């Protein structure tokens, strides 16, 4: 048998390797495409059959919570699928992956979303690089919002910058003096209180972690969540009494069936002292506003020099959903300034 010429062998080997590479690429492309098709179809089912409204609601939250438990996926992933179908009612036919579109579900503006999608396609951005591009864009947007708030404060001296938090989101951490096993972490409830609990899928314990808790009958379920640090320490509370125009005693629901009674000082404002007729008028005004609601939402900040936590208080007469109050409620601190009962702190 004559030996195969080396040149022939090398050409055959090259062709075989090309077939292997081509087959692998074809499989990867088929898989990438099928993931998009599957997630789009699931999103369509969720959006059309399970979610009664596009807006945040108790019904949506319950449906997503139940679905995430039954499928073993995070609530964030379930919302992403629904938004994917909502934002793309026609199945997209592009070279992008599901990871790209998962990132695009965080972009609510259609024009901006379309521009970013086209940028990823034209520049061939990897999903990792695309996430970095969107993260940088979000940081720039936050910076722009803060600059606009500062500008408003300068233009209108009575304007208080207001950043609304999110309910039942917490920071997870460790303390050397509190023993925990490999599946546990400490939930920072705020007010110096920590709660030991099981935290699923926390592999890198050197990484800062935020979690969202859900109540299922008598049990609490902890899920890893994406949020921002400034949105934490936001609570539902009932008003025990109004101390004066800028100080309120609250019964605060910290989650996990834990409550604390705390005297909070309204952030960034001053009202006249209580022995002043104007101070008593401010107190009566706060009492009149808060007696209209069964609960308030309280976003706490650092302590003042007297050991009281500074707080933003939100209320909305007639509303029973705390999340709506957190998102849309009247900002009591600003209301007092607008009504002439308080002044913004002078720095």
C-alpha atoms as a PDB file:
ATOM      1  CA  UNK A   1       0.000   0.000   0.000  1.00  0.00           C
ATOM      2  CA  UNK A   2       1.439   3.310  -1.047  1.00  0.00           C
ATOM      3  CA  UNK A   3       1.749   5.936   1.682  1.00  0.00           C
ATOM      4  CA  UNK A   4      -0.562   8.956   1.462  1.00  0.00           C
ATOM      5  CA  UNK A   5       1.309  12.019   0.297  1.00  0.00           C
ATOM      6  CA  UNK A   6       1.927  14.457   3.134  1.00  0.00           C
ATOM      7  CA  UNK A   7       0.337  17.304   1.178  1.00  0.00           C
ATOM      8  CA  UNK A   8      -2.828  15.288   0.602  1.00  0.00           C
ATOM      9  CA  UNK A   9      -3.006  14.323   4.273  1.00  0.00           C
ATOM     10  CA  UNK A  10      -2.604  17.917   5.441  1.00  0.00           C
ATOM     11  CA  UNK A  11      -5.315  19.090   3.080  1.00  0.00           C
ATOM     12  CA  UNK A  12      -7.647  16.349   4.324  1.00  0.00           C
ATOM     13  CA  UNK A  13      -6.848  17.188   7.953  1.00  0.00           C
ATOM     14  CA  UNK A  14      -7.547  20.857   7.302  1.00  0.00           C
ATOM     15  CA  UNK A  15     -10.864  19.996   5.684  1.00  0.00           C
ATOM     16  CA  UNK A  16     -11.855  17.747   8.597  1.00  0.00           C
ATOM     17  CA  UNK A  17     -10.991  20.432  11.142  1.00  0.00           C
ATOM     18  CA  UNK A  18     -12.994  22.938   9.130  1.00  0.00           C
ATOM     19  CA  UNK A  19     -15.986  20.582   9.173  1.00  0.00           C
ATOM     20  CA  UNK A  20     -15.660  20.092  12.921  1.00  0.00           C
ATOM     21  CA  UNK A  21     -15.438  23.849  13.496  1.00  0.00           C
ATOM     22  CA  UNK A  22     -18.302  24.493  11.122  1.00  0.00           C
ATOM     23  CA  UNK A  23     -20.446  21.861  12.802  1.00  0.00           C
ATOM     24  CA  UNK A  24     -19.673  23.275  16.214  1.00  0.00           C
ATOM     25  CA  UNK A  25     -20.518  26.801  15.056  1.00  0.00           C
ATOM     26  CA  UNK A  26     -23.734  25.551  13.470  1.00  0.00           C
ATOM     27  CA  UNK A  27     -24.704  23.766  16.690  1.00  0.00           C
ATOM     28  CA  UNK A  28     -23.915  26.853  18.758  1.00  0.00           C
ATOM     29  CA  UNK A  29     -25.895  29.064  16.393  1.00  0.00           C
ATOM     30  CA  UNK A  30     -28.830  26.619  16.447  1.00  0.00           C
ATOM     31  CA  UNK A  31     -28.710  26.476  20.254  1.00  0.00           C
ATOM     32  CA  UNK A  32     -28.435  30.283  20.522  1.00  0.00           C
ATOM     33  CA  UNK A  33     -31.422  30.693  18.261  1.00  0.00           C
ATOM     34  CA  UNK A  34     -33.484  28.050  20.023  1.00  0.00           C
ATOM     35  CA  UNK A  35     -32.883  29.660  23.427  1.00  0.00           C
ATOM     36  CA  UNK A  36     -34.245  32.937  22.067  1.00  0.00           C
ATOM     37  CA  UNK A  37     -37.273  31.223  20.504  1.00  0.00           C
ATOM     38  CA  UNK A  38     -38.000  29.244  23.687  1.00  0.00           C
ATOM     39  CA  UNK A  39     -37.678  32.257  25.988  1.00  0.00           C
ATOM     40  CA  UNK A  40     -39.823  34.376  23.666  1.00  0.00           C
ATOM     41  CA  UNK A  41     -42.555  31.719  23.657  1.00  0.00           C
ATOM     42  CA  UNK A  42     -42.422  31.371  27.447  1.00  0.00           C
ATOM     43  CA  UNK A  43     -42.581  35.161  27.774  1.00  0.00           C
ATOM     44  CA  UNK A  44     -45.662  35.190  25.543  1.00  0.00           C
ATOM     45  CA  UNK A  45     -47.401  32.627  27.751  1.00  0.00           C
ATOM     46  CA  UNK A  46     -46.509  34.535  30.929  1.00  0.00           C
ATOM     47  CA  UNK A  47     -47.543  37.892  29.509  1.00  0.00           C
ATOM     48  CA  UNK A  48     -50.803  36.740  27.921  1.00  0.00           C
ATOM     49  CA  UNK A  49     -52.015  34.217  30.496  1.00  0.00           C
ATOM     50  CA  UNK A  50     -50.496  34.986  33.900  1.00  0.00           C
ATOM     51  CA  UNK A  51     -49.817  38.699  34.280  1.00  0.00           C
ATOM     52  CA  UNK A  52     -53.004  40.768  34.535  1.00  0.00           C
ATOM     53  CA  UNK A  53     -51.231  44.101  33.957  1.00  0.00           C
ATOM     54  CA  UNK A  54     -47.971  45.504  32.609  1.00  0.00           C
ATOM     55  CA  UNK A  55     -47.614  47.611  35.747  1.00  0.00           C
ATOM     56  CA  UNK A  56     -46.286  46.347  39.114  1.00  0.00           C
ATOM     57  CA  UNK A  57     -49.135  44.898  41.153  1.00  0.00           C
ATOM     58  CA  UNK A  58     -49.866  42.399  43.911  1.00  0.00           C
ATOM     59  CA  UNK A  59     -51.346  40.024  41.311  1.00  0.00           C
ATOM     60  CA  UNK A  60     -48.207  40.149  39.187  1.00  0.00           C
ATOM     61  CA  UNK A  61     -45.941  39.631  42.172  1.00  0.00           C
ATOM     62  CA  UNK A  62     -47.918  36.590  43.357  1.00  0.00           C
ATOM     63  CA  UNK A  63     -47.936  34.987  39.905  1.00  0.00           C
ATOM     64  CA  UNK A  64     -44.216  35.545  39.402  1.00  0.00           C
ATOM     65  CA  UNK A  65     -43.390  34.337  42.907  1.00  0.00           C
ATOM     66  CA  UNK A  66     -45.340  31.092  42.425  1.00  0.00           C
ATOM     67  CA  UNK A  67     -43.884  30.504  38.961  1.00  0.00           C
ATOM     68  CA  UNK A  68     -40.318  31.104  40.121  1.00  0.00           C
ATOM     69  CA  UNK A  69     -40.773  28.553  42.913  1.00  0.00           C
ATOM     70  CA  UNK A  70     -42.306  25.918  40.625  1.00  0.00           C
ATOM     71  CA  UNK A  71     -39.676  26.354  37.899  1.00  0.00           C
ATOM     72  CA  UNK A  72     -36.722  26.815  40.242  1.00  0.00           C
ATOM     73  CA  UNK A  73     -35.770  30.126  38.620  1.00  0.00           C
ATOM     74  CA  UNK A  74     -35.421  33.631  40.031  1.00  0.00           C
ATOM     75  CA  UNK A  75     -38.253  36.138  39.880  1.00  0.00           C
ATOM     76  CA  UNK A  76     -35.920  38.446  37.938  1.00  0.00           C
ATOM     77  CA  UNK A  77     -35.643  35.827  35.189  1.00  0.00           C
ATOM     78  CA  UNK A  78     -39.439  35.417  35.018  1.00  0.00           C
ATOM     79  CA  UNK A  79     -39.925  39.181  34.671  1.00  0.00           C
ATOM     80  CA  UNK A  80     -37.216  39.270  31.987  1.00  0.00           C
ATOM     81  CA  UNK A  81     -39.066  36.676  29.905  1.00  0.00           C
ATOM     82  CA  UNK A  82     -42.331  38.623  30.129  1.00  0.00           C
ATOM     83  CA  UNK A  83     -40.626  41.902  29.235  1.00  0.00           C
ATOM     84  CA  UNK A  84     -38.771  40.236  26.353  1.00  0.00           C
ATOM     85  CA  UNK A  85     -42.067  39.319  24.711  1.00  0.00           C
ATOM     86  CA  UNK A  86     -43.641  42.681  25.594  1.00  0.00           C
ATOM     87  CA  UNK A  87     -40.728  44.648  24.121  1.00  0.00           C
ATOM     88  CA  UNK A  88     -40.406  42.350  21.083  1.00  0.00           C
ATOM     89  CA  UNK A  89     -43.940  41.244  20.086  1.00  0.00           C
ATOM     90  CA  UNK A  90     -42.348  40.032  16.832  1.00  0.00           C
ATOM     91  CA  UNK A  91     -39.636  37.446  17.430  1.00  0.00           C
ATOM     92  CA  UNK A  92     -36.275  39.110  16.653  1.00  0.00           C
ATOM     93  CA  UNK A  93     -34.171  37.472  13.970  1.00  0.00           C
ATOM     94  CA  UNK A  94     -30.606  38.605  14.680  1.00  0.00           C
ATOM     95  CA  UNK A  95     -27.176  37.259  15.537  1.00  0.00           C
ATOM     96  CA  UNK A  96     -27.554  38.329  19.181  1.00  0.00           C
ATOM     97  CA  UNK A  97     -27.864  35.847  22.045  1.00  0.00           C
ATOM     98  CA  UNK A  98     -30.389  35.609  24.861  1.00  0.00           C
ATOM     99  CA  UNK A  99     -27.807  37.239  27.161  1.00  0.00           C
ATOM    100  CA  UNK A 100     -27.895  40.327  24.931  1.00  0.00           C
ATOM    101  CA  UNK A 101     -31.688  40.499  25.030  1.00  0.00           C
ATOM    102  CA  UNK A 102     -31.765  39.858  28.787  1.00  0.00           C
ATOM    103  CA  UNK A 103     -29.636  42.994  29.160  1.00  0.00           C
ATOM    104  CA  UNK A 104     -31.949  44.911  26.828  1.00  0.00           C
ATOM    105  CA  UNK A 105     -34.979  44.127  29.027  1.00  0.00           C
ATOM    106  CA  UNK A 106     -33.536  46.649  31.502  1.00  0.00           C
ATOM    107  CA  UNK A 107     -33.928  49.430  28.901  1.00  0.00           C
ATOM    108  CA  UNK A 108     -37.481  50.786  28.998  1.00  0.00           C
ATOM    109  CA  UNK A 109     -37.159  53.451  26.312  1.00  0.00           C
ATOM    110  CA  UNK A 110     -37.859  51.856  22.878  1.00  0.00           C
ATOM    111  CA  UNK A 111     -35.611  54.243  20.951  1.00  0.00           C
ATOM    112  CA  UNK A 112     -32.661  53.717  23.281  1.00  0.00           C
ATOM    113  CA  UNK A 113     -33.229  49.965  23.285  1.00  0.00           C
ATOM    114  CA  UNK A 114     -33.243  49.854  19.474  1.00  0.00           C
ATOM    115  CA  UNK A 115     -30.046  51.901  19.229  1.00  0.00           C
ATOM    116  CA  UNK A 116     -28.249  49.635  21.693  1.00  0.00           C
ATOM    117  CA  UNK A 117     -29.461  46.527  19.879  1.00  0.00           C
ATOM    118  CA  UNK A 118     -28.175  47.827  16.545  1.00  0.00           C
ATOM    119  CA  UNK A 119     -24.882  48.837  18.141  1.00  0.00           C
ATOM    120  CA  UNK A 120     -24.374  45.315  19.500  1.00  0.00           C
ATOM    121  CA  UNK A 121     -25.121  43.813  16.072  1.00  0.00           C
ATOM    122  CA  UNK A 122     -22.936  46.194  14.033  1.00  0.00           C
ATOM    123  CA  UNK A 123     -19.965  46.093  16.420  1.00  0.00           C
ATOM    124  CA  UNK A 124     -20.298  42.383  17.176  1.00  0.00           C
ATOM    125  CA  UNK A 125     -20.240  43.041  20.921  1.00  0.00           C
ATOM    126  CA  UNK A 126     -19.982  39.993  23.146  1.00  0.00           C
ATOM    127  CA  UNK A 127     -22.685  39.628  25.800  1.00  0.00           C
ATOM    128  CA  UNK A 128     -20.135  40.506  28.507  1.00  0.00           C
ATOM    129  CA  UNK A 129     -18.996  43.654  26.717  1.00  0.00           C
ATOM    130  CA  UNK A 130     -22.620  44.561  26.017  1.00  0.00           C
ATOM    131  CA  UNK A 131     -23.465  44.336  29.735  1.00  0.00           C
ATOM    132  CA  UNK A 132     -20.535  46.650  30.451  1.00  0.00           C
ATOM    133  CA  UNK A 133     -21.812  49.156  27.873  1.00  0.00           C
ATOM    134  CA  UNK A 134     -25.275  49.168  29.451  1.00  0.00           C
ATOM    135  CA  UNK A 135     -23.841  49.405  32.982  1.00  0.00           C
ATOM    136  CA  UNK A 136     -21.793  52.457  31.975  1.00  0.00           C
ATOM    137  CA  UNK A 137     -24.895  53.981  30.410  1.00  0.00           C
ATOM    138  CA  UNK A 138     -26.892  53.422  33.611  1.00  0.00           C
ATOM    139  CA  UNK A 139     -24.146  55.012  35.701  1.00  0.00           C
ATOM    140  CA  UNK A 140     -24.116  58.035  33.411  1.00  0.00           C
ATOM    141  CA  UNK A 141     -27.924  58.274  33.624  1.00  0.00           C
ATOM    142  CA  UNK A 142     -27.838  58.158  37.449  1.00  0.00           C
ATOM    143  CA  UNK A 143     -25.175  60.844  37.481  1.00  0.00           C
ATOM    144  CA  UNK A 144     -27.315  62.981  35.188  1.00  0.00           C
ATOM    145  CA  UNK A 145     -30.348  62.538  37.464  1.00  0.00           C
ATOM    146  CA  UNK A 146     -28.350  63.558  40.535  1.00  0.00           C
ATOM    147  CA  UNK A 147     -26.971  66.585  38.701  1.00  0.00           C
ATOM    148  CA  UNK A 148     -30.492  67.562  37.653  1.00  0.00           C
ATOM    149  CA  UNK A 149     -31.695  67.221  41.255  1.00  0.00           C
ATOM    150  CA  UNK A 150     -28.853  69.411  42.474  1.00  0.00           C
ATOM    151  CA  UNK A 151     -29.652  71.954  39.769  1.00  0.00           C
ATOM    152  CA  UNK A 152     -33.308  71.986  40.864  1.00  0.00           C
ATOM    153  CA  UNK A 153     -32.198  72.499  44.448  1.00  0.00           C
ATOM    154  CA  UNK A 154     -30.118  75.511  43.410  1.00  0.00           C
ATOM    155  CA  UNK A 155     -32.857  76.955  41.213  1.00  0.00           C
ATOM    156  CA  UNK A 156     -35.546  76.254  43.793  1.00  0.00           C
ATOM    157  CA  UNK A 157     -34.125  76.477  47.322  1.00  0.00           C
ATOM    158  CA  UNK A 158     -37.112  74.573  48.744  1.00  0.00           C
ATOM    159  CA  UNK A 159     -36.501  71.455  46.619  1.00  0.00           C
ATOM    160  CA  UNK A 160     -35.362  68.289  48.440  1.00  0.00           C
ATOM    161  CA  UNK A 161     -33.582  65.627  46.322  1.00  0.00           C
ATOM    162  CA  UNK A 162     -35.692  62.472  46.584  1.00  0.00           C
ATOM    163  CA  UNK A 163     -34.545  58.943  45.712  1.00  0.00           C
ATOM    164  CA  UNK A 164     -37.249  56.331  46.345  1.00  0.00           C
ATOM    165  CA  UNK A 165     -36.221  52.950  47.726  1.00  0.00           C
ATOM    166  CA  UNK A 166     -37.574  49.432  47.215  1.00  0.00           C
ATOM    167  CA  UNK A 167     -39.361  47.335  49.820  1.00  0.00           C
ATOM    168  CA  UNK A 168     -37.958  44.096  51.235  1.00  0.00           C
ATOM    169  CA  UNK A 169     -34.509  44.349  49.652  1.00  0.00           C
ATOM    170  CA  UNK A 170     -31.568  43.842  51.994  1.00  0.00           C
ATOM    171  CA  UNK A 171     -27.812  43.566  52.119  1.00  0.00           C
ATOM    172  CA  UNK A 172     -26.301  40.195  53.022  1.00  0.00           C
ATOM    173  CA  UNK A 173     -23.024  40.049  54.936  1.00  0.00           C
ATOM    174  CA  UNK A 174     -20.811  38.167  57.386  1.00  0.00           C
ATOM    175  CA  UNK A 175     -19.511  38.937  60.846  1.00  0.00           C
ATOM    176  CA  UNK A 176     -16.577  37.041  62.341  1.00  0.00           C
ATOM    177  CA  UNK A 177     -18.190  36.987  65.787  1.00  0.00           C
ATOM    178  CA  UNK A 178     -21.454  35.423  64.524  1.00  0.00           C
ATOM    179  CA  UNK A 179     -21.080  31.771  63.440  1.00  0.00           C
ATOM    180  CA  UNK A 180     -22.664  30.776  60.111  1.00  0.00           C
ATOM    181  CA  UNK A 181     -22.315  27.673  57.957  1.00  0.00           C
ATOM    182  CA  UNK A 182     -21.596  27.601  54.222  1.00  0.00           C
ATOM    183  CA  UNK A 183     -25.262  27.999  53.261  1.00  0.00           C
ATOM    184  CA  UNK A 184     -26.030  30.878  55.633  1.00  0.00           C
ATOM    185  CA  UNK A 185     -25.565  34.615  55.691  1.00  0.00           C
ATOM    186  CA  UNK A 186     -26.592  37.567  57.835  1.00  0.00           C
ATOM    187  CA  UNK A 187     -29.389  39.765  56.533  1.00  0.00           C
ATOM    188  CA  UNK A 188     -28.857  43.402  57.517  1.00  0.00           C
ATOM    189  CA  UNK A 189     -32.366  44.484  58.491  1.00  0.00           C
ATOM    190  CA  UNK A 190     -31.218  47.970  59.435  1.00  0.00           C
ATOM    191  CA  UNK A 191     -31.235  49.709  62.816  1.00  0.00           C
ATOM    192  CA  UNK A 192     -28.242  47.542  63.804  1.00  0.00           C
ATOM    193  CA  UNK A 193     -30.229  44.298  63.606  1.00  0.00           C
ATOM    194  CA  UNK A 194     -28.932  41.182  61.802  1.00  0.00           C
ATOM    195  CA  UNK A 195     -30.825  37.985  61.038  1.00  0.00           C
ATOM    196  CA  UNK A 196     -29.157  34.659  60.254  1.00  0.00           C
ATOM    197  CA  UNK A 197     -30.823  32.814  57.392  1.00  0.00           C
ATOM    198  CA  UNK A 198     -30.159  30.465  54.485  1.00  0.00           C
ATOM    199  CA  UNK A 199     -29.020  32.260  51.337  1.00  0.00           C
ATOM    200  CA  UNK A 200     -29.217  30.070  48.206  1.00  0.00           C
ATOM    201  CA  UNK A 201     -26.606  30.109  45.438  1.00  0.00           C
ATOM    202  CA  UNK A 202     -24.167  32.442  47.187  1.00  0.00           C
ATOM    203  CA  UNK A 203     -20.890  30.995  45.988  1.00  0.00           C
ATOM    204  CA  UNK A 204     -18.528  33.969  46.082  1.00  0.00           C
ATOM    205  CA  UNK A 205     -18.779  35.254  49.638  1.00  0.00           C
ATOM    206  CA  UNK A 206     -16.283  38.023  49.009  1.00  0.00           C
ATOM    207  CA  UNK A 207     -18.832  39.614  46.649  1.00  0.00           C
ATOM    208  CA  UNK A 208     -21.341  42.146  47.955  1.00  0.00           C
ATOM    209  CA  UNK A 209     -24.785  40.573  47.813  1.00  0.00           C
ATOM    210  CA  UNK A 210     -28.313  41.950  47.868  1.00  0.00           C
ATOM    211  CA  UNK A 211     -31.374  39.800  48.479  1.00  0.00           C
ATOM    212  CA  UNK A 212     -35.138  40.137  48.156  1.00  0.00           C
ATOM    213  CA  UNK A 213     -37.468  38.368  50.583  1.00  0.00           C
ATOM    214  CA  UNK A 214     -40.955  37.014  49.899  1.00  0.00           C
ATOM    215  CA  UNK A 215     -43.469  35.778  52.425  1.00  0.00           C
ATOM    216  CA  UNK A 216     -45.072  32.424  51.571  1.00  0.00           C
ATOM    217  CA  UNK A 217     -47.779  31.733  54.143  1.00  0.00           C
ATOM    218  CA  UNK A 218     -45.765  31.516  57.394  1.00  0.00           C
ATOM    219  CA  UNK A 219     -42.333  31.143  55.791  1.00  0.00           C
ATOM    220  CA  UNK A 220     -39.925  33.618  54.196  1.00  0.00           C
ATOM    221  CA  UNK A 221     -38.136  32.878  50.953  1.00  0.00           C
ATOM    222  CA  UNK A 222     -34.796  34.600  50.247  1.00  0.00           C
ATOM    223  CA  UNK A 223     -33.739  35.276  46.653  1.00  0.00           C
ATOM    224  CA  UNK A 224     -30.568  36.882  45.323  1.00  0.00           C
ATOM    225  CA  UNK A 225     -31.525  40.189  43.696  1.00  0.00           C
ATOM    226  CA  UNK A 226     -30.182  43.004  41.555  1.00  0.00           C
ATOM    227  CA  UNK A 227     -30.657  46.443  43.106  1.00  0.00           C
ATOM    228  CA  UNK A 228     -28.714  49.523  44.183  1.00  0.00           C
ATOM    229  CA  UNK A 229     -27.417  50.264  47.678  1.00  0.00           C
ATOM    230  CA  UNK A 230     -29.319  53.552  47.924  1.00  0.00           C
ATOM    231  CA  UNK A 231     -32.646  51.705  47.488  1.00  0.00           C
ATOM    232  CA  UNK A 232     -32.200  49.680  50.697  1.00  0.00           C
ATOM    233  CA  UNK A 233     -33.565  50.395  54.182  1.00  0.00           C
ATOM    234  CA  UNK A 234     -37.091  51.076  52.949  1.00  0.00           C
ATOM    235  CA  UNK A 235     -39.910  49.844  55.166  1.00  0.00           C
ATOM    236  CA  UNK A 236     -43.666  49.742  55.696  1.00  0.00           C
ATOM    237  CA  UNK A 237     -44.591  51.356  59.010  1.00  0.00           C
ATOM    238  CA  UNK A 238     -47.576  52.450  61.036  1.00  0.00           C
ATOM    239  CA  UNK A 239     -47.626  55.780  62.808  1.00  0.00           C
ATOM    240  CA  UNK A 240     -47.722  55.523  66.590  1.00  0.00           C
ATOM    241  CA  UNK A 241     -47.669  59.259  67.206  1.00  0.00           C
ATOM    242  CA  UNK A 242     -46.449  62.557  65.814  1.00  0.00           C
ATOM    243  CA  UNK A 243     -43.888  64.071  68.198  1.00  0.00           C
ATOM    244  CA  UNK A 244     -43.598  67.411  66.415  1.00  0.00           C
ATOM    245  CA  UNK A 245     -43.599  68.749  62.871  1.00  0.00           C
ATOM    246  CA  UNK A 246     -40.427  66.959  61.836  1.00  0.00           C
ATOM    247  CA  UNK A 247     -40.297  63.977  64.211  1.00  0.00           C
ATOM    248  CA  UNK A 248     -42.532  60.887  64.140  1.00  0.00           C
ATOM    249  CA  UNK A 249     -42.685  57.706  66.234  1.00  0.00           C
ATOM    250  CA  UNK A 250     -43.143  54.691  63.952  1.00  0.00           C
ATOM    251  CA  UNK A 251     -43.802  50.970  64.319  1.00  0.00           C
ATOM    252  CA  UNK A 252     -41.588  49.653  61.535  1.00  0.00           C
ATOM    253  CA  UNK A 253     -42.045  46.304  59.774  1.00  0.00           C
ATOM    254  CA  UNK A 254     -38.499  45.106  59.089  1.00  0.00           C
ATOM    255  CA  UNK A 255     -39.517  41.836  57.438  1.00  0.00           C
ATOM    256  CA  UNK A 256     -39.197  38.281  58.816  1.00  0.00           C
ATOM    257  CA  UNK A 257     -42.046  39.084  61.251  1.00  0.00           C
ATOM    258  CA  UNK A 258     -39.695  41.537  62.978  1.00  0.00           C
ATOM    259  CA  UNK A 259     -40.853  44.962  64.151  1.00  0.00           C
ATOM    260  CA  UNK A 260     -39.104  47.859  65.831  1.00  0.00           C
ATOM    261  CA  UNK A 261     -40.441  51.015  67.405  1.00  0.00           C
ATOM    262  CA  UNK A 262     -38.308  53.944  66.323  1.00  0.00           C
ATOM    263  CA  UNK A 263     -38.403  57.718  66.539  1.00  0.00           C
ATOM    264  CA  UNK A 264     -37.348  59.131  63.170  1.00  0.00           C
ATOM    265  CA  UNK A 265     -36.450  62.663  62.136  1.00  0.00           C
ATOM    266  CA  UNK A 266     -37.639  63.869  58.734  1.00  0.00           C
ATOM    267  CA  UNK A 267     -34.561  64.337  56.561  1.00  0.00           C
ATOM    268  CA  UNK A 268     -33.403  67.719  55.244  1.00  0.00           C
ATOM    269  CA  UNK A 269     -36.076  69.906  56.900  1.00  0.00           C
ATOM    270  CA  UNK A 270     -36.683  71.918  60.045  1.00  0.00           C
ATOM    271  CA  UNK A 271     -40.031  72.948  61.510  1.00  0.00           C
ATOM    272  CA  UNK A 272     -40.461  75.500  64.318  1.00  0.00           C
ATOM    273  CA  UNK A 273     -40.150  74.207  67.883  1.00  0.00           C
ATOM    274  CA  UNK A 274     -43.288  72.779  69.479  1.00  0.00           C
ATOM    275  CA  UNK A 275     -43.566  75.645  71.997  1.00  0.00           C
ATOM    276  CA  UNK A 276     -43.979  78.009  69.046  1.00  0.00           C
ATOM    277  CA  UNK A 277     -47.525  78.437  67.631  1.00  0.00           C
ATOM    278  CA  UNK A 278     -46.134  77.746  64.153  1.00  0.00           C
ATOM    279  CA  UNK A 279     -44.521  74.579  65.484  1.00  0.00           C
ATOM    280  CA  UNK A 280     -47.846  73.365  66.878  1.00  0.00           C
ATOM    281  CA  UNK A 281     -49.482  74.206  63.546  1.00  0.00           C
ATOM    282  CA  UNK A 282     -46.857  72.099  61.726  1.00  0.00           C
ATOM    283  CA  UNK A 283     -47.469  69.173  64.102  1.00  0.00           C
ATOM    284  CA  UNK A 284     -51.228  69.361  63.585  1.00  0.00           C
ATOM    285  CA  UNK A 285     -50.717  69.424  59.827  1.00  0.00           C
ATOM    286  CA  UNK A 286     -48.609  66.242  59.936  1.00  0.00           C
ATOM    287  CA  UNK A 287     -51.190  64.561  62.171  1.00  0.00           C
ATOM    288  CA  UNK A 288     -53.963  65.554  59.775  1.00  0.00           C
ATOM    289  CA  UNK A 289     -52.059  64.172  56.756  1.00  0.00           C
ATOM    290  CA  UNK A 290     -51.048  60.869  58.343  1.00  0.00           C
ATOM    291  CA  UNK A 291     -54.426  60.076  59.893  1.00  0.00           C
ATOM    292  CA  UNK A 292     -55.698  59.670  56.316  1.00  0.00           C
ATOM    293  CA  UNK A 293     -53.628  56.510  55.803  1.00  0.00           C
ATOM    294  CA  UNK A 294     -53.309  53.122  57.499  1.00  0.00           C
ATOM    295  CA  UNK A 295     -49.566  52.930  56.862  1.00  0.00           C
ATOM    296  CA  UNK A 296     -46.633  54.867  55.452  1.00  0.00           C
ATOM    297  CA  UNK A 297     -43.429  53.901  53.654  1.00  0.00           C
ATOM    298  CA  UNK A 298     -40.266  55.000  55.409  1.00  0.00           C
ATOM    299  CA  UNK A 299     -36.848  55.296  53.709  1.00  0.00           C
ATOM    300  CA  UNK A 300     -34.158  55.669  56.376  1.00  0.00           C
ATOM    301  CA  UNK A 301     -30.752  57.297  56.149  1.00  0.00           C
ATOM    302  CA  UNK A 302     -27.932  57.820  58.661  1.00  0.00           C
ATOM    303  CA  UNK A 303     -28.475  58.873  62.274  1.00  0.00           C
ATOM    304  CA  UNK A 304     -28.429  62.520  63.305  1.00  0.00           C
ATOM    305  CA  UNK A 305     -26.331  63.886  66.184  1.00  0.00           C
ATOM    306  CA  UNK A 306     -29.091  62.957  68.646  1.00  0.00           C
ATOM    307  CA  UNK A 307     -29.134  59.294  67.567  1.00  0.00           C
ATOM    308  CA  UNK A 308     -32.366  59.546  65.589  1.00  0.00           C
ATOM    309  CA  UNK A 309     -32.502  58.032  62.140  1.00  0.00           C
ATOM    310  CA  UNK A 310     -33.151  60.510  59.348  1.00  0.00           C
ATOM    311  CA  UNK A 311     -36.058  59.434  57.172  1.00  0.00           C
ATOM    312  CA  UNK A 312     -38.119  60.202  54.100  1.00  0.00           C
ATOM    313  CA  UNK A 313     -41.794  59.372  54.613  1.00  0.00           C
ATOM    314  CA  UNK A 314     -44.216  58.598  51.791  1.00  0.00           C
ATOM    315  CA  UNK A 315     -48.008  58.299  52.087  1.00  0.00           C
ATOM    316  CA  UNK A 316     -50.916  57.993  49.673  1.00  0.00           C
ATOM    317  CA  UNK A 317     -54.510  58.158  50.916  1.00  0.00           C
ATOM    318  CA  UNK A 318     -56.722  55.385  49.544  1.00  0.00           C
ATOM    319  CA  UNK A 319     -53.825  53.161  48.405  1.00  0.00           C
ATOM    320  CA  UNK A 320     -53.444  49.690  49.970  1.00  0.00           C
ATOM    321  CA  UNK A 321     -50.353  48.465  48.070  1.00  0.00           C
ATOM    322  CA  UNK A 322     -47.129  49.526  49.854  1.00  0.00           C
ATOM    323  CA  UNK A 323     -45.120  49.212  46.627  1.00  0.00           C
ATOM    324  CA  UNK A 324     -47.348  51.774  44.940  1.00  0.00           C
ATOM    325  CA  UNK A 325     -46.914  54.102  47.911  1.00  0.00           C
ATOM    326  CA  UNK A 326     -43.125  53.686  47.736  1.00  0.00           C
ATOM    327  CA  UNK A 327     -43.169  54.451  44.022  1.00  0.00           C
ATOM    328  CA  UNK A 328     -45.858  57.142  43.778  1.00  0.00           C
ATOM    329  CA  UNK A 329     -46.699  58.336  47.296  1.00  0.00           C
ATOM    330  CA  UNK A 330     -46.621  61.919  48.530  1.00  0.00           C
ATOM    331  CA  UNK A 331     -43.191  62.868  49.897  1.00  0.00           C
ATOM    332  CA  UNK A 332     -44.084  64.233  53.348  1.00  0.00           C
ATOM    333  CA  UNK A 333     -40.783  66.091  53.804  1.00  0.00           C
ATOM    334  CA  UNK A 334     -41.361  68.044  50.586  1.00  0.00           C
ATOM    335  CA  UNK A 335     -45.065  68.545  51.281  1.00  0.00           C
ATOM    336  CA  UNK A 336     -44.231  70.288  54.563  1.00  0.00           C
ATOM    337  CA  UNK A 337     -41.854  72.642  52.761  1.00  0.00           C
ATOM    338  CA  UNK A 338     -44.344  73.324  49.966  1.00  0.00           C
ATOM    339  CA  UNK A 339     -47.093  74.114  52.490  1.00  0.00           C
ATOM    340  CA  UNK A 340     -44.864  76.551  54.382  1.00  0.00           C
ATOM    341  CA  UNK A 341     -44.604  74.472  57.559  1.00  0.00           C
ATOM    342  CA  UNK A 342     -40.880  73.668  57.191  1.00  0.00           C
ATOM    343  CA  UNK A 343     -37.659  74.973  55.750  1.00  0.00           C
ATOM    344  CA  UNK A 344     -34.928  73.033  54.001  1.00  0.00           C
ATOM    345  CA  UNK A 345     -31.771  72.653  56.063  1.00  0.00           C
ATOM    346  CA  UNK A 346     -29.177  75.318  55.474  1.00  0.00           C
ATOM    347  CA  UNK A 347     -25.741  73.735  54.981  1.00  0.00           C
END
